[in-house]
Amino acid sequence: PALAAVVEKDIFASEITPMFNELSADLQESVREIAVDNMVKMVKGLSPEEAARMFGAFFDNLQSEKCSSMRVNKAKHFVALVGAMSPARPLRDQVGAFLQLLSGDPDPEVRTAAAANIADFAAKLDGQTVVGQVLPVLRELSQGGEEAGALGNQQVREHIAEQ
């Protein structure tokens, strides 16, 4: 992000973004994790259209990332990233991805990180989307029991209770 702050946008787009894309596909998880953290900082200086064009594909690919810590990072930064890309990438189009992180990810840390952002994400959506898509998932999660992954599910329910 330090380089992004001192170079012009055209240089950023032509030089920094391709370098970021290379690093974000690195074989080392630690390099990819740093890339995600820095993506959050980089999108702040871009228009939604620029952010979506430069980082949208990478953001989408995080959903299928095998490394759970990368998905945790996506869940932690989800609201900031989709907010930076909206309206170029409408928030309503990101509801499924958020709900997948919240309820469908196999890793409890990912679900917990997403749950911590429920209120912020829902606040950016229209009421119909919240009632029709988000609340049914929250209702299902709030009725969890002592099934496998109960600790992660307990933490998700705690975040739901805070809403």
Protein backbone atom coordinates (compact mmCIF):
# COMPACT_ATOMS: atom_id res chain seq x y z
CA PRO A 1 0.00 0.00 0.00
CA ALA A 2 2.91 2.38 0.51
CA LEU A 3 3.72 2.27 -3.19
CA ALA A 4 0.07 2.75 -4.07
CA ALA A 5 0.02 5.96 -2.05
CA VAL A 6 2.86 7.60 -3.93
CA VAL A 7 2.32 6.57 -7.55
CA GLU A 8 -0.23 7.93 -9.99
CA LYS A 9 -3.37 5.90 -10.63
CA ASP A 10 -2.32 4.88 -14.14
CA ILE A 11 0.98 3.52 -12.80
CA PHE A 12 -0.92 1.86 -9.98
CA ALA A 13 -3.21 0.16 -12.49
CA SER A 14 -0.49 -0.84 -14.94
CA GLU A 15 2.33 -1.79 -12.53
CA ILE A 16 1.17 -2.29 -8.95
CA THR A 17 -2.04 -4.20 -9.65
CA PRO A 18 -0.38 -6.88 -11.81
CA MET A 19 2.32 -7.28 -9.15
CA PHE A 20 -0.39 -7.62 -6.50
CA ASN A 21 -2.20 -10.22 -8.63
CA GLU A 22 1.01 -12.25 -8.92
CA LEU A 23 1.62 -12.10 -5.17
CA SER A 24 -1.99 -12.96 -4.39
CA ALA A 25 -1.56 -16.20 -6.34
CA ASP A 26 1.74 -17.07 -4.61
CA LEU A 27 2.25 -20.62 -3.38
CA GLN A 28 3.03 -19.37 0.12
CA GLU A 29 -0.05 -18.79 2.23
CA SER A 30 1.66 -16.05 4.21
CA VAL A 31 2.27 -14.03 1.05
CA ARG A 32 -1.36 -14.43 -0.02
CA GLU A 33 -2.55 -13.39 3.46
CA ILE A 34 -0.51 -10.20 3.35
CA ALA A 35 -1.94 -9.51 -0.10
CA VAL A 36 -5.51 -9.70 1.24
CA ASP A 37 -4.71 -7.41 4.15
CA ASN A 38 -3.15 -4.91 1.78
CA MET A 39 -6.00 -5.13 -0.71
CA VAL A 40 -8.23 -3.62 1.97
CA LYS A 41 -5.88 -0.65 2.23
CA MET A 42 -5.44 -0.27 -1.53
CA VAL A 43 -9.13 -0.17 -2.43
CA LYS A 44 -9.69 2.85 -0.19
CA GLY A 45 -7.97 5.13 -2.69
CA LEU A 46 -9.87 3.81 -5.69
CA SER A 47 -13.26 4.49 -7.18
CA PRO A 48 -15.72 1.58 -6.93
CA GLU A 49 -15.28 0.89 -10.63
CA GLU A 50 -11.49 0.80 -10.32
CA ALA A 51 -11.62 -1.38 -7.21
CA ALA A 52 -14.00 -3.83 -8.89
CA ARG A 53 -11.94 -3.97 -12.08
CA MET A 54 -8.60 -4.39 -10.33
CA PHE A 55 -9.54 -6.63 -7.41
CA GLY A 56 -12.97 -8.14 -8.13
CA ALA A 57 -11.70 -11.42 -9.58
CA PHE A 58 -9.24 -11.91 -6.73
CA PHE A 59 -11.98 -11.21 -4.20
CA ASP A 60 -14.26 -13.76 -5.87
CA ASN A 61 -11.51 -16.39 -5.96
CA LEU A 62 -11.05 -16.14 -2.20
CA GLN A 63 -14.36 -17.96 -1.80
CA SER A 64 -12.80 -21.16 -3.11
CA GLU A 65 -9.43 -20.66 -1.39
CA LYS A 66 -8.29 -23.87 0.28
CA CYS A 67 -6.42 -22.03 3.03
CA SER A 68 -8.85 -21.32 5.84
CA SER A 69 -6.86 -18.32 7.12
CA MET A 70 -7.37 -16.66 3.73
CA ARG A 71 -11.12 -17.22 4.00
CA VAL A 72 -10.99 -15.83 7.56
CA ASN A 73 -9.32 -12.70 6.17
CA LYS A 74 -11.99 -12.40 3.50
CA ALA A 75 -14.73 -12.80 6.11
CA LYS A 76 -13.07 -10.19 8.37
CA HIS A 77 -12.73 -7.65 5.58
CA PHE A 78 -15.84 -8.59 3.58
CA VAL A 79 -17.91 -5.51 4.37
CA ALA A 80 -15.06 -3.09 3.69
CA LEU A 81 -14.18 -4.77 0.41
CA VAL A 82 -17.69 -5.07 -1.00
CA GLY A 83 -18.42 -1.54 0.17
CA ALA A 84 -15.37 -0.27 -1.72
CA MET A 85 -16.56 -2.00 -4.89
CA SER A 86 -20.19 -0.89 -4.68
CA PRO A 87 -22.09 0.20 -6.77
CA ALA A 88 -19.82 -1.25 -9.50
CA ARG A 89 -20.51 -4.63 -7.89
CA PRO A 90 -23.91 -4.30 -6.21
CA LEU A 91 -24.10 -5.44 -2.61
CA ARG A 92 -27.17 -7.55 -3.32
CA ASP A 93 -24.97 -9.64 -5.64
CA GLN A 94 -22.61 -10.36 -2.73
CA VAL A 95 -25.24 -11.69 -0.31
CA GLY A 96 -24.72 -15.31 -1.36
CA ALA A 97 -20.97 -15.07 -0.86
CA PHE A 98 -21.44 -13.57 2.61
CA LEU A 99 -23.98 -16.20 3.63
CA GLN A 100 -21.64 -18.94 2.39
CA LEU A 101 -18.90 -17.60 4.67
CA LEU A 102 -21.37 -17.28 7.54
CA SER A 103 -23.10 -20.63 7.36
CA GLY A 104 -21.54 -22.82 4.70
CA ASP A 105 -17.84 -22.65 5.35
CA PRO A 106 -16.46 -25.78 7.03
CA ASP A 107 -14.10 -23.79 9.25
CA PRO A 108 -15.61 -22.35 12.45
CA GLU A 109 -13.13 -19.43 12.42
CA VAL A 110 -14.43 -18.33 9.03
CA ARG A 111 -18.04 -18.51 10.17
CA THR A 112 -17.18 -16.58 13.35
CA ALA A 113 -15.33 -13.86 11.40
CA ALA A 114 -18.32 -13.48 9.08
CA ALA A 115 -20.74 -13.41 12.02
CA ALA A 116 -18.84 -10.49 13.51
CA ASN A 117 -19.85 -8.48 10.41
CA ILE A 118 -23.55 -9.35 10.27
CA ALA A 119 -24.80 -5.95 11.45
CA ASP A 120 -22.46 -3.94 9.21
CA PHE A 121 -23.34 -6.01 6.16
CA ALA A 122 -27.08 -6.01 6.83
CA ALA A 123 -27.02 -2.22 7.35
CA LYS A 124 -25.84 -1.82 3.75
CA LEU A 125 -28.67 -3.95 2.33
CA ASP A 126 -32.27 -3.10 1.67
CA GLY A 127 -34.90 -4.45 4.06
CA GLN A 128 -36.34 -6.90 1.55
CA THR A 129 -32.95 -8.58 1.07
CA VAL A 130 -32.35 -8.77 4.81
CA VAL A 131 -35.78 -10.28 5.47
CA GLY A 132 -35.78 -12.60 2.46
CA GLN A 133 -32.19 -13.85 2.44
CA VAL A 134 -30.26 -12.97 5.60
CA LEU A 135 -32.84 -13.56 8.34
CA PRO A 136 -33.67 -17.14 7.29
CA VAL A 137 -29.99 -18.06 7.60
CA LEU A 138 -29.67 -16.27 10.94
CA ARG A 139 -32.78 -18.05 12.18
CA GLU A 140 -31.33 -21.42 11.18
CA LEU A 141 -27.96 -20.65 12.78
CA SER A 142 -29.57 -19.42 15.99
CA GLN A 143 -31.26 -22.79 16.43
CA GLY A 144 -27.94 -24.65 16.44
CA GLY A 145 -27.32 -27.42 18.88
CA GLU A 146 -24.37 -29.39 20.05
CA GLU A 147 -23.51 -30.78 16.61
CA ALA A 148 -20.03 -31.04 15.15
CA GLY A 149 -18.20 -27.75 15.29
CA ALA A 150 -20.32 -26.62 18.22
CA LEU A 151 -17.71 -24.17 19.52
CA GLY A 152 -17.66 -22.30 16.22
CA ASN A 153 -21.43 -22.44 16.04
CA GLN A 154 -21.68 -21.14 19.61
CA GLN A 155 -19.52 -18.15 18.70
CA VAL A 156 -21.67 -17.48 15.62
CA ARG A 157 -24.81 -17.63 17.79
CA GLU A 158 -23.18 -15.18 20.23
CA HIS A 159 -22.65 -12.72 17.38
CA ILE A 160 -26.24 -13.20 16.25
CA ALA A 161 -27.44 -12.56 19.82
CA GLU A 162 -25.53 -9.25 19.77
CA GLN A 163 -27.56 -8.03 16.81
